[in-house]
Protein backbone atom coordinates (compact mmCIF):
# COMPACT_ATOMS: atom_id res chain seq x y z
CA MET A 1 143.50 117.82 125.39
CA ARG A 2 146.88 116.18 125.84
CA VAL A 3 146.90 116.17 129.69
CA PRO A 4 144.33 114.08 131.48
CA LYS A 5 141.69 116.14 133.24
CA SER A 6 142.52 114.38 136.49
CA TRP A 7 145.96 116.09 136.47
CA ILE A 8 144.46 119.63 136.44
CA HIS A 9 143.94 119.48 140.19
CA PHE A 10 147.64 118.70 140.83
CA ILE A 11 148.90 121.19 138.19
CA SER A 12 146.90 123.99 139.73
CA ALA A 13 148.11 123.19 143.24
CA LYS A 14 151.72 123.11 142.18
CA ILE A 15 151.44 126.45 140.24
CA LEU A 16 149.90 128.19 143.22
CA ASP A 17 152.27 126.65 145.68
CA ASP A 18 155.27 127.68 143.68
CA LEU A 19 153.97 131.20 143.09
CA GLU A 20 153.36 131.69 146.74
CA LYS A 21 156.63 130.04 147.84
CA HIS A 22 158.65 132.38 145.66
CA GLY A 23 156.70 135.48 146.79
CA LEU A 24 155.38 136.16 143.30
CA ILE A 25 151.78 136.57 144.41
CA LYS A 26 149.80 137.70 147.45
CA THR A 27 146.22 136.66 147.59
CA ASN A 28 143.36 138.83 148.57
CA VAL A 29 140.84 136.03 148.20
CA PRO A 30 140.49 132.68 150.02
CA ARG A 31 142.99 130.19 148.69
CA GLU A 32 140.24 127.74 147.73
CA GLU A 33 138.59 130.31 145.53
CA LEU A 34 141.93 131.09 143.86
CA PHE A 35 142.54 127.45 143.45
CA LYS A 36 139.19 126.79 141.79
CA GLU A 37 139.68 129.76 139.38
CA THR A 38 143.16 128.50 138.54
CA GLU A 39 141.78 125.11 137.68
CA GLN A 40 139.13 126.59 135.48
CA VAL A 41 141.62 128.74 133.63
CA ILE A 42 144.03 125.89 133.02
CA LEU A 43 141.22 123.58 131.94
CA HIS A 44 139.83 126.24 129.53
CA GLU A 45 143.25 126.76 127.90
CA MET A 46 144.11 123.03 127.70
CA MET A 47 140.85 122.39 125.94
CA ALA A 48 141.54 125.14 123.23
CA GLU A 49 142.99 122.45 120.92
CA ASP A 50 139.96 120.23 121.46
CA ARG A 51 137.64 123.14 120.45
CA LEU A 52 139.90 123.90 117.47
CA ASN A 53 139.80 120.22 116.37
CA ASP A 54 135.99 120.27 116.62
CA GLU A 55 135.84 123.34 114.50
CA VAL A 56 138.12 121.80 111.87
CA ARG A 57 135.94 118.66 111.70
CA GLU A 58 132.80 120.82 111.21
CA ILE A 59 134.55 122.80 108.35
CA LEU A 60 135.62 119.54 106.59
CA ARG A 61 132.22 118.05 107.11
CA SER A 62 130.80 120.78 104.93
CA TYR A 63 133.11 119.63 102.09
CA GLU A 64 132.65 115.92 102.77
CA GLY A 65 131.15 115.10 99.31
CA GLU A 66 133.96 116.97 97.56
CA ILE A 67 136.61 115.29 99.65
CA GLU A 68 135.16 111.80 98.83
CA LYS A 69 134.61 112.59 95.19
CA LYS A 70 138.17 113.78 94.68
CA ARG A 71 139.54 111.10 96.97
CA LEU A 72 141.47 113.63 99.07
CA ASP A 73 143.41 112.57 102.15
CA TYR A 74 141.24 113.60 105.17
CA LYS A 75 144.19 113.67 107.60
CA SER A 76 146.21 116.01 105.41
CA LEU A 77 143.27 118.28 104.88
CA PHE A 78 142.60 118.28 108.63
CA ASP A 79 146.26 119.15 109.45
CA MET A 80 146.35 121.92 106.83
CA THR A 81 143.05 123.43 107.92
CA LYS A 82 144.12 123.30 111.59
CA SER A 83 147.50 124.93 110.80
CA LYS A 84 145.73 127.65 108.82
CA LEU A 85 143.39 128.45 111.66
CA VAL A 86 146.21 128.45 114.24
CA ARG A 87 148.16 130.90 112.08
CA GLU A 88 145.17 133.14 111.39
CA ARG A 89 144.14 133.38 115.02
CA ASN A 90 147.50 133.24 116.65
CA ILE A 91 146.48 130.28 118.73
CA VAL A 92 149.07 128.64 120.95
CA ILE A 93 148.48 124.93 121.32
C-alpha cells in the first residue's frame, strides 16, 4: 500500500465532508457508521496492490528452482508477472 494506514482516517473524513458539502450524498445511516464503512472500503482498495504482490511472490516461489538455475532476474520476472495479472484481471492499482 502506497499510503500509510494512518492516513485512511483523514482521507475518509475528507471524502465524506466534501460529498456532503457539495450535496452529492444524503445519509440514511449514522455518520459514524458511514465513516467506518468508508474507511473499510478505502483500506480494502488500497491493499489490492499488496494482495497482488503477495500472489506474484507465491507464483514465482513455485518457479524458484528454475529461476535460480537459469539465473533469471527476479525483479524483471516479478514486474512482468504482475503486469500480466493486472491486464488479465483489469485491476486498477
